[in-house]
Amino acid sequence: MEANKIKYSYLLEGKNIVIDAPIEVDGNKMTIKMSANNPAYQDVDMYAFQDQDNTQMHWYMPTTSFEKFFGNTSVALMLGYGQLDKDDTEGIANVYKTIADAVGSINLCLVMKKTAK
């Protein structure tokens, strides 16, 4: 994988959908440029921290970033199922608004541990 991209995937009716998204890094902030794959998607900011003994990487996603990431996933699935048209900007905006209205507050932290060799 290239250093300036992140790859993620999901299953849609048994079909593996893989997305390579470019990233921009500024200190510990990483912006996943999901809009590069589809202009309907919103870019997502995450923050990464490594512990002192280099055994864990902590990824932090604040509420607005979670809403955007979940919104991107929802839009992708709705487009895949034909429930949303890629040119329906109002419908797409409504997906993100609905998620933002439903999520009061969430802070997501993922911890990745180094495996023993």
PDB file of N, CA and C in Angstrom:
ATOM      1  N   MET A   1       0.851  -1.171   0.000  1.00  0.00           N
ATOM      2  CA  MET A   1       0.000   0.000   0.000  1.00  0.00           C
ATOM      3  C   MET A   1       0.898   1.236   0.000  1.00  0.00           C
ATOM      4  N   GLU A   2       0.471   2.264  -0.705  1.00  0.00           N
ATOM      5  CA  GLU A   2       1.210   3.517  -0.740  1.00  0.00           C
ATOM      6  C   GLU A   2       1.102   4.229   0.599  1.00  0.00           C
ATOM      7  N   ALA A   3       2.142   4.998   0.935  1.00  0.00           N
ATOM      8  CA  ALA A   3       2.172   5.693   2.222  1.00  0.00           C
ATOM      9  C   ALA A   3       1.117   6.782   2.315  1.00  0.00           C
ATOM     10  N   ASN A   4       0.645   7.297   1.196  1.00  0.00           N
ATOM     11  CA  ASN A   4      -0.323   8.390   1.235  1.00  0.00           C
ATOM     12  C   ASN A   4      -1.744   7.938   0.920  1.00  0.00           C
ATOM     13  N   LYS A   5      -2.037   6.654   1.146  1.00  0.00           N
ATOM     14  CA  LYS A   5      -3.381   6.125   0.935  1.00  0.00           C
ATOM     15  C   LYS A   5      -3.755   5.188   2.064  1.00  0.00           C
ATOM     16  N   ILE A   6      -5.057   5.055   2.275  1.00  0.00           N
ATOM     17  CA  ILE A   6      -5.567   4.066   3.217  1.00  0.00           C
ATOM     18  C   ILE A   6      -6.616   3.248   2.472  1.00  0.00           C
ATOM     19  N   LYS A   7      -6.615   1.959   2.723  1.00  0.00           N
ATOM     20  CA  LYS A   7      -7.555   1.066   2.035  1.00  0.00           C
ATOM     21  C   LYS A   7      -8.541   0.517   3.049  1.00  0.00           C
ATOM     22  N   TYR A   8      -9.815   0.549   2.702  1.00  0.00           N
ATOM     23  CA  TYR A   8     -10.822  -0.069   3.547  1.00  0.00           C
ATOM     24  C   TYR A   8     -11.826  -0.761   2.641  1.00  0.00           C
ATOM     25  N   SER A   9     -12.570  -1.699   3.206  1.00  0.00           N
ATOM     26  CA  SER A   9     -13.503  -2.469   2.384  1.00  0.00           C
ATOM     27  C   SER A   9     -14.737  -2.831   3.185  1.00  0.00           C
ATOM     28  N   TYR A  10     -15.780  -3.188   2.467  1.00  0.00           N
ATOM     29  CA  TYR A  10     -17.013  -3.680   3.075  1.00  0.00           C
ATOM     30  C   TYR A  10     -17.672  -4.639   2.093  1.00  0.00           C
ATOM     31  N   LEU A  11     -18.560  -5.472   2.608  1.00  0.00           N
ATOM     32  CA  LEU A  11     -19.283  -6.422   1.766  1.00  0.00           C
ATOM     33  C   LEU A  11     -20.646  -5.855   1.407  1.00  0.00           C
ATOM     34  N   LEU A  12     -20.997  -5.921   0.134  1.00  0.00           N
ATOM     35  CA  LEU A  12     -22.302  -5.503  -0.347  1.00  0.00           C
ATOM     36  C   LEU A  12     -22.888  -6.665  -1.127  1.00  0.00           C
ATOM     37  N   GLU A  13     -23.870  -7.330  -0.508  1.00  0.00           N
ATOM     38  CA  GLU A  13     -24.510  -8.498  -1.112  1.00  0.00           C
ATOM     39  C   GLU A  13     -23.480  -9.520  -1.573  1.00  0.00           C
ATOM     40  N   GLY A  14     -22.523  -9.809  -0.692  1.00  0.00           N
ATOM     41  CA  GLY A  14     -21.510 -10.810  -0.978  1.00  0.00           C
ATOM     42  C   GLY A  14     -20.361 -10.325  -1.843  1.00  0.00           C
ATOM     43  N   LYS A  15     -20.437  -9.102  -2.331  1.00  0.00           N
ATOM     44  CA  LYS A  15     -19.373  -8.556  -3.165  1.00  0.00           C
ATOM     45  C   LYS A  15     -18.486  -7.654  -2.308  1.00  0.00           C
ATOM     46  N   ASN A  16     -17.178  -7.903  -2.352  1.00  0.00           N
ATOM     47  CA  ASN A  16     -16.235  -7.114  -1.573  1.00  0.00           C
ATOM     48  C   ASN A  16     -15.960  -5.786  -2.292  1.00  0.00           C
ATOM     49  N   ILE A  17     -16.312  -4.688  -1.653  1.00  0.00           N
ATOM     50  CA  ILE A  17     -16.083  -3.354  -2.196  1.00  0.00           C
ATOM     51  C   ILE A  17     -14.841  -2.796  -1.501  1.00  0.00           C
ATOM     52  N   VAL A  18     -13.815  -2.446  -2.270  1.00  0.00           N
ATOM     53  CA  VAL A  18     -12.567  -1.939  -1.725  1.00  0.00           C
ATOM     54  C   VAL A  18     -12.390  -0.499  -2.172  1.00  0.00           C
ATOM     55  N   ILE A  19     -12.042   0.364  -1.229  1.00  0.00           N
ATOM     56  CA  ILE A  19     -11.843   1.780  -1.532  1.00  0.00           C
ATOM     57  C   ILE A  19     -10.452   2.180  -1.072  1.00  0.00           C
ATOM     58  N   ASP A  20      -9.678   2.747  -1.982  1.00  0.00           N
ATOM     59  CA  ASP A  20      -8.394   3.361  -1.654  1.00  0.00           C
ATOM     60  C   ASP A  20      -8.636   4.848  -1.565  1.00  0.00           C
ATOM     61  N   ALA A  21      -8.390   5.424  -0.405  1.00  0.00           N
ATOM     62  CA  ALA A  21      -8.603   6.862  -0.231  1.00  0.00           C
ATOM     63  C   ALA A  21      -7.264   7.539   0.054  1.00  0.00           C
ATOM     64  N   PRO A  22      -6.969   8.626  -0.651  1.00  0.00           N
ATOM     65  CA  PRO A  22      -5.754   9.375  -0.329  1.00  0.00           C
ATOM     66  C   PRO A  22      -5.865   9.987   1.059  1.00  0.00           C
ATOM     67  N   ILE A  23      -4.728  10.167   1.708  1.00  0.00           N
ATOM     68  CA  ILE A  23      -4.720  10.796   3.018  1.00  0.00           C
ATOM     69  C   ILE A  23      -3.761  11.981   3.011  1.00  0.00           C
ATOM     70  N   GLU A  24      -4.075  12.951   3.860  1.00  0.00           N
ATOM     71  CA  GLU A  24      -3.178  14.072   4.109  1.00  0.00           C
ATOM     72  C   GLU A  24      -2.833  14.021   5.589  1.00  0.00           C
ATOM     73  N   VAL A  25      -1.558  14.162   5.907  1.00  0.00           N
ATOM     74  CA  VAL A  25      -1.112  14.089   7.290  1.00  0.00           C
ATOM     75  C   VAL A  25      -0.529  15.434   7.699  1.00  0.00           C
ATOM     76  N   ASP A  26      -0.975  15.907   8.865  1.00  0.00           N
ATOM     77  CA  ASP A  26      -0.470  17.151   9.442  1.00  0.00           C
ATOM     78  C   ASP A  26      -0.263  16.894  10.932  1.00  0.00           C
ATOM     79  N   GLY A  27       0.965  16.584  11.321  1.00  0.00           N
ATOM     80  CA  GLY A  27       1.232  16.214  12.707  1.00  0.00           C
ATOM     81  C   GLY A  27       0.543  14.905  13.030  1.00  0.00           C
ATOM     82  N   ASN A  28      -0.299  14.898  14.055  1.00  0.00           N
ATOM     83  CA  ASN A  28      -1.021  13.669  14.402  1.00  0.00           C
ATOM     84  C   ASN A  28      -2.423  13.624  13.778  1.00  0.00           C
ATOM     85  N   LYS A  29      -2.745  14.617  12.947  1.00  0.00           N
ATOM     86  CA  LYS A  29      -4.049  14.651  12.276  1.00  0.00           C
ATOM     87  C   LYS A  29      -3.926  14.022  10.885  1.00  0.00           C
ATOM     88  N   MET A  30      -4.829  13.105  10.597  1.00  0.00           N
ATOM     89  CA  MET A  30      -4.875  12.458   9.295  1.00  0.00           C
ATOM     90  C   MET A  30      -6.250  12.731   8.683  1.00  0.00           C
ATOM     91  N   THR A  31      -6.261  13.333   7.507  1.00  0.00           N
ATOM     92  CA  THR A  31      -7.521  13.566   6.804  1.00  0.00           C
ATOM     93  C   THR A  31      -7.649  12.525   5.701  1.00  0.00           C
ATOM     94  N   ILE A  32      -8.678  11.700   5.811  1.00  0.00           N
ATOM     95  CA  ILE A  32      -8.963  10.694   4.789  1.00  0.00           C
ATOM     96  C   ILE A  32      -9.814  11.395   3.731  1.00  0.00           C
ATOM     97  N   LYS A  33      -9.270  11.538   2.538  1.00  0.00           N
ATOM     98  CA  LYS A  33      -9.909  12.288   1.459  1.00  0.00           C
ATOM     99  C   LYS A  33     -10.879  11.376   0.702  1.00  0.00           C
ATOM    100  N   MET A  34     -11.966  11.000   1.377  1.00  0.00           N
ATOM    101  CA  MET A  34     -12.949  10.105   0.786  1.00  0.00           C
ATOM    102  C   MET A  34     -13.645  10.739  -0.417  1.00  0.00           C
ATOM    103  N   SER A  35     -13.716  12.061  -0.438  1.00  0.00           N
ATOM    104  CA  SER A  35     -14.354  12.750  -1.559  1.00  0.00           C
ATOM    105  C   SER A  35     -13.598  12.533  -2.866  1.00  0.00           C
ATOM    106  N   ALA A  36     -12.353  12.089  -2.792  1.00  0.00           N
ATOM    107  CA  ALA A  36     -11.587  11.805  -4.010  1.00  0.00           C
ATOM    108  C   ALA A  36     -12.162  10.610  -4.758  1.00  0.00           C
ATOM    109  N   ASN A  37     -12.809   9.701  -4.037  1.00  0.00           N
ATOM    110  CA  ASN A  37     -13.421   8.522  -4.653  1.00  0.00           C
ATOM    111  C   ASN A  37     -14.819   8.796  -5.175  1.00  0.00           C
ATOM    112  N   ASN A  38     -15.513   9.682  -4.488  1.00  0.00           N
ATOM    113  CA  ASN A  38     -16.881  10.006  -4.872  1.00  0.00           C
ATOM    114  C   ASN A  38     -17.193  11.383  -4.280  1.00  0.00           C
ATOM    115  N   PRO A  39     -17.581  12.358  -5.098  1.00  0.00           N
ATOM    116  CA  PRO A  39     -17.852  13.696  -4.569  1.00  0.00           C
ATOM    117  C   PRO A  39     -19.020  13.732  -3.572  1.00  0.00           C
ATOM    118  N   ALA A  40     -19.801  12.666  -3.512  1.00  0.00           N
ATOM    119  CA  ALA A  40     -20.894  12.605  -2.535  1.00  0.00           C
ATOM    120  C   ALA A  40     -20.362  12.344  -1.127  1.00  0.00           C
ATOM    121  N   TYR A  41     -19.143  11.799  -1.019  1.00  0.00           N
ATOM    122  CA  TYR A  41     -18.559  11.499   0.282  1.00  0.00           C
ATOM    123  C   TYR A  41     -17.928  12.741   0.890  1.00  0.00           C
ATOM    124  N   GLN A  42     -17.845  12.745   2.215  1.00  0.00           N
ATOM    125  CA  GLN A  42     -17.195  13.837   2.936  1.00  0.00           C
ATOM    126  C   GLN A  42     -15.854  13.347   3.491  1.00  0.00           C
ATOM    127  N   ASP A  43     -14.882  14.250   3.537  1.00  0.00           N
ATOM    128  CA  ASP A  43     -13.569  13.911   4.077  1.00  0.00           C
ATOM    129  C   ASP A  43     -13.658  13.743   5.593  1.00  0.00           C
ATOM    130  N   VAL A  44     -12.841  12.846   6.136  1.00  0.00           N
ATOM    131  CA  VAL A  44     -12.901  12.492   7.555  1.00  0.00           C
ATOM    132  C   VAL A  44     -11.542  12.744   8.210  1.00  0.00           C
ATOM    133  N   ASP A  45     -11.568  13.466   9.332  1.00  0.00           N
ATOM    134  CA  ASP A  45     -10.361  13.709  10.111  1.00  0.00           C
ATOM    135  C   ASP A  45     -10.258  12.695  11.241  1.00  0.00           C
ATOM    136  N   MET A  46      -9.062  12.128  11.393  1.00  0.00           N
ATOM    137  CA  MET A  46      -8.768  11.237  12.508  1.00  0.00           C
ATOM    138  C   MET A  46      -7.443  11.695  13.106  1.00  0.00           C
ATOM    139  N   TYR A  47      -7.222  11.303  14.336  1.00  0.00           N
ATOM    140  CA  TYR A  47      -5.986  11.664  15.028  1.00  0.00           C
ATOM    141  C   TYR A  47      -5.316  10.387  15.516  1.00  0.00           C
ATOM    142  N   ALA A  48      -4.004  10.291  15.353  1.00  0.00           N
ATOM    143  CA  ALA A  48      -3.271   9.095  15.743  1.00  0.00           C
ATOM    144  C   ALA A  48      -2.212   9.443  16.785  1.00  0.00           C
ATOM    145  N   PHE A  49      -2.092   8.554  17.769  1.00  0.00           N
ATOM    146  CA  PHE A  49      -1.101   8.704  18.827  1.00  0.00           C
ATOM    147  C   PHE A  49      -0.446   7.355  19.060  1.00  0.00           C
ATOM    148  N   GLN A  50       0.850   7.340  19.196  1.00  0.00           N
ATOM    149  CA  GLN A  50       1.578   6.111  19.488  1.00  0.00           C
ATOM    150  C   GLN A  50       2.061   6.166  20.930  1.00  0.00           C
ATOM    151  N   ASP A  51       1.953   5.035  21.655  1.00  0.00           N
ATOM    152  CA  ASP A  51       2.402   5.044  23.047  1.00  0.00           C
ATOM    153  C   ASP A  51       3.935   5.031  23.110  1.00  0.00           C
ATOM    154  N   GLN A  52       4.460   5.269  24.301  1.00  0.00           N
ATOM    155  CA  GLN A  52       5.908   5.450  24.462  1.00  0.00           C
ATOM    156  C   GLN A  52       6.738   4.225  24.106  1.00  0.00           C
ATOM    157  N   ASP A  53       6.212   3.031  24.355  1.00  0.00           N
ATOM    158  CA  ASP A  53       7.025   1.841  24.058  1.00  0.00           C
ATOM    159  C   ASP A  53       6.738   1.256  22.675  1.00  0.00           C
ATOM    160  N   ASN A  54       6.033   2.005  21.843  1.00  0.00           N
ATOM    161  CA  ASN A  54       5.767   1.629  20.442  1.00  0.00           C
ATOM    162  C   ASN A  54       5.027   0.305  20.290  1.00  0.00           C
ATOM    163  N   THR A  55       4.182  -0.047  21.252  1.00  0.00           N
ATOM    164  CA  THR A  55       3.427  -1.293  21.130  1.00  0.00           C
ATOM    165  C   THR A  55       1.970  -1.061  20.751  1.00  0.00           C
ATOM    166  N   GLN A  56       1.500   0.180  20.845  1.00  0.00           N
ATOM    167  CA  GLN A  56       0.111   0.469  20.509  1.00  0.00           C
ATOM    168  C   GLN A  56       0.004   1.761  19.713  1.00  0.00           C
ATOM    169  N   MET A  57      -0.942   1.758  18.784  1.00  0.00           N
ATOM    170  CA  MET A  57      -1.302   2.959  18.037  1.00  0.00           C
ATOM    171  C   MET A  57      -2.755   3.255  18.364  1.00  0.00           C
ATOM    172  N   HIS A  58      -3.040   4.466  18.788  1.00  0.00           N
ATOM    173  CA  HIS A  58      -4.391   4.892  19.138  1.00  0.00           C
ATOM    174  C   HIS A  58      -4.916   5.797  18.028  1.00  0.00           C
ATOM    175  N   TRP A  59      -6.071   5.462  17.489  1.00  0.00           N
ATOM    176  CA  TRP A  59      -6.730   6.275  16.468  1.00  0.00           C
ATOM    177  C   TRP A  59      -7.982   6.857  17.105  1.00  0.00           C
ATOM    178  N   TYR A  60      -8.127   8.148  17.031  1.00  0.00           N
ATOM    179  CA  TYR A  60      -9.242   8.839  17.663  1.00  0.00           C
ATOM    180  C   TYR A  60     -10.092   9.518  16.587  1.00  0.00           C
ATOM    181  N   MET A  61     -11.403   9.324  16.669  1.00  0.00           N
ATOM    182  CA  MET A  61     -12.340   9.924  15.725  1.00  0.00           C
ATOM    183  C   MET A  61     -13.394  10.684  16.522  1.00  0.00           C
ATOM    184  N   PRO A  62     -13.394  12.033  16.463  1.00  0.00           N
ATOM    185  CA  PRO A  62     -14.403  12.799  17.193  1.00  0.00           C
ATOM    186  C   PRO A  62     -15.791  12.650  16.553  1.00  0.00           C
ATOM    187  N   THR A  63     -16.796  13.178  17.214  1.00  0.00           N
ATOM    188  CA  THR A  63     -18.190  13.022  16.791  1.00  0.00           C
ATOM    189  C   THR A  63     -18.415  13.404  15.336  1.00  0.00           C
ATOM    190  N   THR A  64     -17.976  14.592  14.922  1.00  0.00           N
ATOM    191  CA  THR A  64     -18.238  15.026  13.537  1.00  0.00           C
ATOM    192  C   THR A  64     -17.575  14.097  12.528  1.00  0.00           C
ATOM    193  N   SER A  65     -16.411  13.585  12.862  1.00  0.00           N
ATOM    194  CA  SER A  65     -15.732  12.653  11.957  1.00  0.00           C
ATOM    195  C   SER A  65     -16.480  11.331  11.876  1.00  0.00           C
ATOM    196  N   PHE A  66     -16.973  10.839  13.026  1.00  0.00           N
ATOM    197  CA  PHE A  66     -17.768   9.618  13.027  1.00  0.00           C
ATOM    198  C   PHE A  66     -19.010   9.793  12.158  1.00  0.00           C
ATOM    199  N   GLU A  67     -19.685  10.940  12.311  1.00  0.00           N
ATOM    200  CA  GLU A  67     -20.891  11.212  11.518  1.00  0.00           C
ATOM    201  C   GLU A  67     -20.575  11.194  10.029  1.00  0.00           C
ATOM    202  N   LYS A  68     -19.458  11.782   9.642  1.00  0.00           N
ATOM    203  CA  LYS A  68     -19.066  11.805   8.227  1.00  0.00           C
ATOM    204  C   LYS A  68     -18.715  10.406   7.737  1.00  0.00           C
ATOM    205  N   PHE A  69     -17.945   9.644   8.533  1.00  0.00           N
ATOM    206  CA  PHE A  69     -17.566   8.295   8.120  1.00  0.00           C
ATOM    207  C   PHE A  69     -18.800   7.403   7.999  1.00  0.00           C
ATOM    208  N   PHE A  70     -19.670   7.446   9.009  1.00  0.00           N
ATOM    209  CA  PHE A  70     -20.903   6.654   8.970  1.00  0.00           C
ATOM    210  C   PHE A  70     -21.795   7.123   7.824  1.00  0.00           C
ATOM    211  N   GLY A  71     -21.836   8.435   7.587  1.00  0.00           N
ATOM    212  CA  GLY A  71     -22.602   8.979   6.460  1.00  0.00           C
ATOM    213  C   GLY A  71     -22.068   8.484   5.135  1.00  0.00           C
ATOM    214  N   ASN A  72     -20.739   8.466   4.982  1.00  0.00           N
ATOM    215  CA  ASN A  72     -20.123   7.966   3.751  1.00  0.00           C
ATOM    216  C   ASN A  72     -20.495   6.510   3.516  1.00  0.00           C
ATOM    217  N   THR A  73     -20.446   5.724   4.591  1.00  0.00           N
ATOM    218  CA  THR A  73     -20.815   4.308   4.478  1.00  0.00           C
ATOM    219  C   THR A  73     -22.285   4.173   4.095  1.00  0.00           C
ATOM    220  N   SER A  74     -23.141   4.965   4.717  1.00  0.00           N
ATOM    221  CA  SER A  74     -24.574   4.921   4.408  1.00  0.00           C
ATOM    222  C   SER A  74     -24.834   5.326   2.964  1.00  0.00           C
ATOM    223  N   VAL A  75     -24.205   6.402   2.516  1.00  0.00           N
ATOM    224  CA  VAL A  75     -24.380   6.859   1.132  1.00  0.00           C
ATOM    225  C   VAL A  75     -23.896   5.779   0.169  1.00  0.00           C
ATOM    226  N   ALA A  76     -22.733   5.182   0.450  1.00  0.00           N
ATOM    227  CA  ALA A  76     -22.202   4.132  -0.427  1.00  0.00           C
ATOM    228  C   ALA A  76     -23.173   2.957  -0.536  1.00  0.00           C
ATOM    229  N   LEU A  77     -23.707   2.525   0.609  1.00  0.00           N
ATOM    230  CA  LEU A  77     -24.651   1.402   0.588  1.00  0.00           C
ATOM    231  C   LEU A  77     -25.943   1.783  -0.132  1.00  0.00           C
ATOM    232  N   MET A  78     -26.455   2.985   0.139  1.00  0.00           N
ATOM    233  CA  MET A  78     -27.705   3.413  -0.505  1.00  0.00           C
ATOM    234  C   MET A  78     -27.525   3.549  -2.014  1.00  0.00           C
ATOM    235  N   LEU A  79     -26.368   4.034  -2.449  1.00  0.00           N
ATOM    236  CA  LEU A  79     -26.086   4.106  -3.887  1.00  0.00           C
ATOM    237  C   LEU A  79     -26.016   2.695  -4.468  1.00  0.00           C
ATOM    238  N   GLY A  80     -25.331   1.798  -3.735  1.00  0.00           N
ATOM    239  CA  GLY A  80     -25.190   0.416  -4.197  1.00  0.00           C
ATOM    240  C   GLY A  80     -26.509  -0.315  -4.315  1.00  0.00           C
ATOM    241  N   TYR A  81     -27.452  -0.009  -3.430  1.00  0.00           N
ATOM    242  CA  TYR A  81     -28.767  -0.647  -3.455  1.00  0.00           C
ATOM    243  C   TYR A  81     -29.769   0.104  -4.332  1.00  0.00           C
ATOM    244  N   GLY A  82     -29.337   1.197  -4.957  1.00  0.00           N
ATOM    245  CA  GLY A  82     -30.235   1.967  -5.813  1.00  0.00           C
ATOM    246  C   GLY A  82     -31.250   2.793  -5.048  1.00  0.00           C
ATOM    247  N   GLN A  83     -31.023   3.027  -3.753  1.00  0.00           N
ATOM    248  CA  GLN A  83     -31.949   3.804  -2.936  1.00  0.00           C
ATOM    249  C   GLN A  83     -31.658   5.302  -2.988  1.00  0.00           C
ATOM    250  N   LEU A  84     -30.569   5.664  -3.652  1.00  0.00           N
ATOM    251  CA  LEU A  84     -30.140   7.054  -3.717  1.00  0.00           C
ATOM    252  C   LEU A  84     -29.453   7.273  -5.049  1.00  0.00           C
ATOM    253  N   ASP A  85     -29.695   8.421  -5.658  1.00  0.00           N
ATOM    254  CA  ASP A  85     -29.064   8.769  -6.924  1.00  0.00           C
ATOM    255  C   ASP A  85     -27.828   9.615  -6.646  1.00  0.00           C
ATOM    256  N   LYS A  86     -26.706   9.328  -7.326  1.00  0.00           N
ATOM    257  CA  LYS A  86     -25.459  10.046  -7.068  1.00  0.00           C
ATOM    258  C   LYS A  86     -25.557  11.539  -7.366  1.00  0.00           C
ATOM    259  N   ASP A  87     -26.534  11.953  -8.150  1.00  0.00           N
ATOM    260  CA  ASP A  87     -26.714  13.365  -8.484  1.00  0.00           C
ATOM    261  C   ASP A  87     -27.753  14.061  -7.608  1.00  0.00           C
ATOM    262  N   ASP A  88     -28.340  13.332  -6.652  1.00  0.00           N
ATOM    263  CA  ASP A  88     -29.346  13.898  -5.754  1.00  0.00           C
ATOM    264  C   ASP A  88     -28.654  14.551  -4.561  1.00  0.00           C
ATOM    265  N   THR A  89     -28.158  15.768  -4.747  1.00  0.00           N
ATOM    266  CA  THR A  89     -27.393  16.444  -3.686  1.00  0.00           C
ATOM    267  C   THR A  89     -28.237  16.675  -2.436  1.00  0.00           C
ATOM    268  N   GLU A  90     -29.517  16.961  -2.610  1.00  0.00           N
ATOM    269  CA  GLU A  90     -30.392  17.179  -1.454  1.00  0.00           C
ATOM    270  C   GLU A  90     -30.586  15.876  -0.672  1.00  0.00           C
ATOM    271  N   GLY A  91     -30.796  14.793  -1.385  1.00  0.00           N
ATOM    272  CA  GLY A  91     -30.963  13.494  -0.729  1.00  0.00           C
ATOM    273  C   GLY A  91     -29.698  13.061  -0.004  1.00  0.00           C
ATOM    274  N   ILE A  92     -28.552  13.291  -0.623  1.00  0.00           N
ATOM    275  CA  ILE A  92     -27.269  12.952   0.000  1.00  0.00           C
ATOM    276  C   ILE A  92     -27.046  13.797   1.246  1.00  0.00           C
ATOM    277  N   ALA A  93     -27.300  15.100   1.143  1.00  0.00           N
ATOM    278  CA  ALA A  93     -27.148  15.988   2.301  1.00  0.00           C
ATOM    279  C   ALA A  93     -28.069  15.551   3.436  1.00  0.00           C
ATOM    280  N   ASN A  94     -29.253  15.063   3.095  1.00  0.00           N
ATOM    281  CA  ASN A  94     -30.208  14.604   4.105  1.00  0.00           C
ATOM    282  C   ASN A  94     -29.694  13.376   4.860  1.00  0.00           C
ATOM    283  N   VAL A  95     -28.950  12.509   4.167  1.00  0.00           N
ATOM    284  CA  VAL A  95     -28.372  11.332   4.835  1.00  0.00           C
ATOM    285  C   VAL A  95     -27.438  11.787   5.957  1.00  0.00           C
ATOM    286  N   TYR A  96     -26.545  12.725   5.631  1.00  0.00           N
ATOM    287  CA  TYR A  96     -25.601  13.230   6.636  1.00  0.00           C
ATOM    288  C   TYR A  96     -26.329  13.966   7.766  1.00  0.00           C
ATOM    289  N   LYS A  97     -27.343  14.745   7.424  1.00  0.00           N
ATOM    290  CA  LYS A  97     -28.100  15.495   8.439  1.00  0.00           C
ATOM    291  C   LYS A  97     -28.830  14.542   9.378  1.00  0.00           C
ATOM    292  N   THR A  98     -29.426  13.502   8.820  1.00  0.00           N
ATOM    293  CA  THR A  98     -30.151  12.525   9.628  1.00  0.00           C
ATOM    294  C   THR A  98     -29.219  11.850  10.637  1.00  0.00           C
ATOM    295  N   ILE A  99     -28.023  11.519  10.187  1.00  0.00           N
ATOM    296  CA  ILE A  99     -27.049  10.890  11.085  1.00  0.00           C
ATOM    297  C   ILE A  99     -26.605  11.879  12.155  1.00  0.00           C
ATOM    298  N   ALA A 100     -26.302  13.119  11.762  1.00  0.00           N
ATOM    299  CA  ALA A 100     -25.870  14.144  12.723  1.00  0.00           C
ATOM    300  C   ALA A 100     -26.957  14.407  13.761  1.00  0.00           C
ATOM    301  N   ASP A 101     -28.218  14.415  13.321  1.00  0.00           N
ATOM    302  CA  ASP A 101     -29.332  14.631  14.247  1.00  0.00           C
ATOM    303  C   ASP A 101     -29.502  13.458  15.223  1.00  0.00           C
ATOM    304  N   ALA A 102     -29.189  12.246  14.765  1.00  0.00           N
ATOM    305  CA  ALA A 102     -29.382  11.053  15.589  1.00  0.00           C
ATOM    306  C   ALA A 102     -28.245  10.833  16.586  1.00  0.00           C
ATOM    307  N   VAL A 103     -27.048  11.293  16.234  1.00  0.00           N
ATOM    308  CA  VAL A 103     -25.884  11.077  17.092  1.00  0.00           C
ATOM    309  C   VAL A 103     -25.696  12.298  17.983  1.00  0.00           C
ATOM    310  N   GLY A 104     -25.940  12.125  19.266  1.00  0.00           N
ATOM    311  CA  GLY A 104     -25.727  13.235  20.200  1.00  0.00           C
ATOM    312  C   GLY A 104     -24.251  13.501  20.362  1.00  0.00           C
ATOM    313  N   SER A 105     -23.526  12.482  20.751  1.00  0.00           N
ATOM    314  CA  SER A 105     -22.085  12.604  20.940  1.00  0.00           C
ATOM    315  C   SER A 105     -21.483  11.215  20.942  1.00  0.00           C
ATOM    316  N   ILE A 106     -20.416  11.065  20.217  1.00  0.00           N
ATOM    317  CA  ILE A 106     -19.675   9.802  20.221  1.00  0.00           C
ATOM    318  C   ILE A 106     -18.226  10.138  19.934  1.00  0.00           C
ATOM    319  N   ASN A 107     -17.366   9.528  20.662  1.00  0.00           N
ATOM    320  CA  ASN A 107     -15.937   9.651  20.418  1.00  0.00           C
ATOM    321  C   ASN A 107     -15.400   8.241  20.296  1.00  0.00           C
ATOM    322  N   LEU A 108     -14.898   7.917  19.134  1.00  0.00           N
ATOM    323  CA  LEU A 108     -14.459   6.564  18.835  1.00  0.00           C
ATOM    324  C   LEU A 108     -12.953   6.493  18.913  1.00  0.00           C
ATOM    325  N   CYS A 109     -12.450   5.534  19.654  1.00  0.00           N
ATOM    326  CA  CYS A 109     -11.005   5.334  19.757  1.00  0.00           C
ATOM    327  C   CYS A 109     -10.704   3.884  19.422  1.00  0.00           C
ATOM    328  N   LEU A 110      -9.853   3.675  18.450  1.00  0.00           N
ATOM    329  CA  LEU A 110      -9.422   2.333  18.074  1.00  0.00           C
ATOM    330  C   LEU A 110      -7.994   2.164  18.564  1.00  0.00           C
ATOM    331  N   VAL A 111      -7.691   1.034  19.158  1.00  0.00           N
ATOM    332  CA  VAL A 111      -6.349   0.770  19.644  1.00  0.00           C
ATOM    333  C   VAL A 111      -5.813  -0.434  18.899  1.00  0.00           C
ATOM    334  N   MET A 112      -4.697  -0.247  18.222  1.00  0.00           N
ATOM    335  CA  MET A 112      -4.045  -1.333  17.515  1.00  0.00           C
ATOM    336  C   MET A 112      -2.794  -1.719  18.286  1.00  0.00           C
ATOM    337  N   LYS A 113      -2.657  -3.019  18.571  1.00  0.00           N
ATOM    338  CA  LYS A 113      -1.510  -3.509  19.314  1.00  0.00           C
ATOM    339  C   LYS A 113      -0.540  -4.205  18.385  1.00  0.00           C
ATOM    340  N   LYS A 114       0.711  -4.043  18.679  1.00  0.00           N
ATOM    341  CA  LYS A 114       1.760  -4.733  17.935  1.00  0.00           C
ATOM    342  C   LYS A 114       1.703  -6.219  18.287  1.00  0.00           C
ATOM    343  N   THR A 115       1.791  -7.068  17.306  1.00  0.00           N
ATOM    344  CA  THR A 115       1.747  -8.502  17.567  1.00  0.00           C
ATOM    345  C   THR A 115       3.132  -9.020  17.928  1.00  0.00           C
ATOM    346  N   ALA A 116       3.159 -10.051  18.739  1.00  0.00           N
ATOM    347  CA  ALA A 116       4.423 -10.668  19.114  1.00  0.00           C
ATOM    348  C   ALA A 116       4.931 -11.498  17.937  1.00  0.00           C
ATOM    349  N   LYS A 117       6.218 -11.506  17.764  1.00  0.00           N
ATOM    350  CA  LYS A 117       6.801 -12.276  16.640  1.00  0.00           C
ATOM    351  C   LYS A 117       7.304 -13.595  17.104  1.00  0.00           C
TER     352      LYS A 117
END
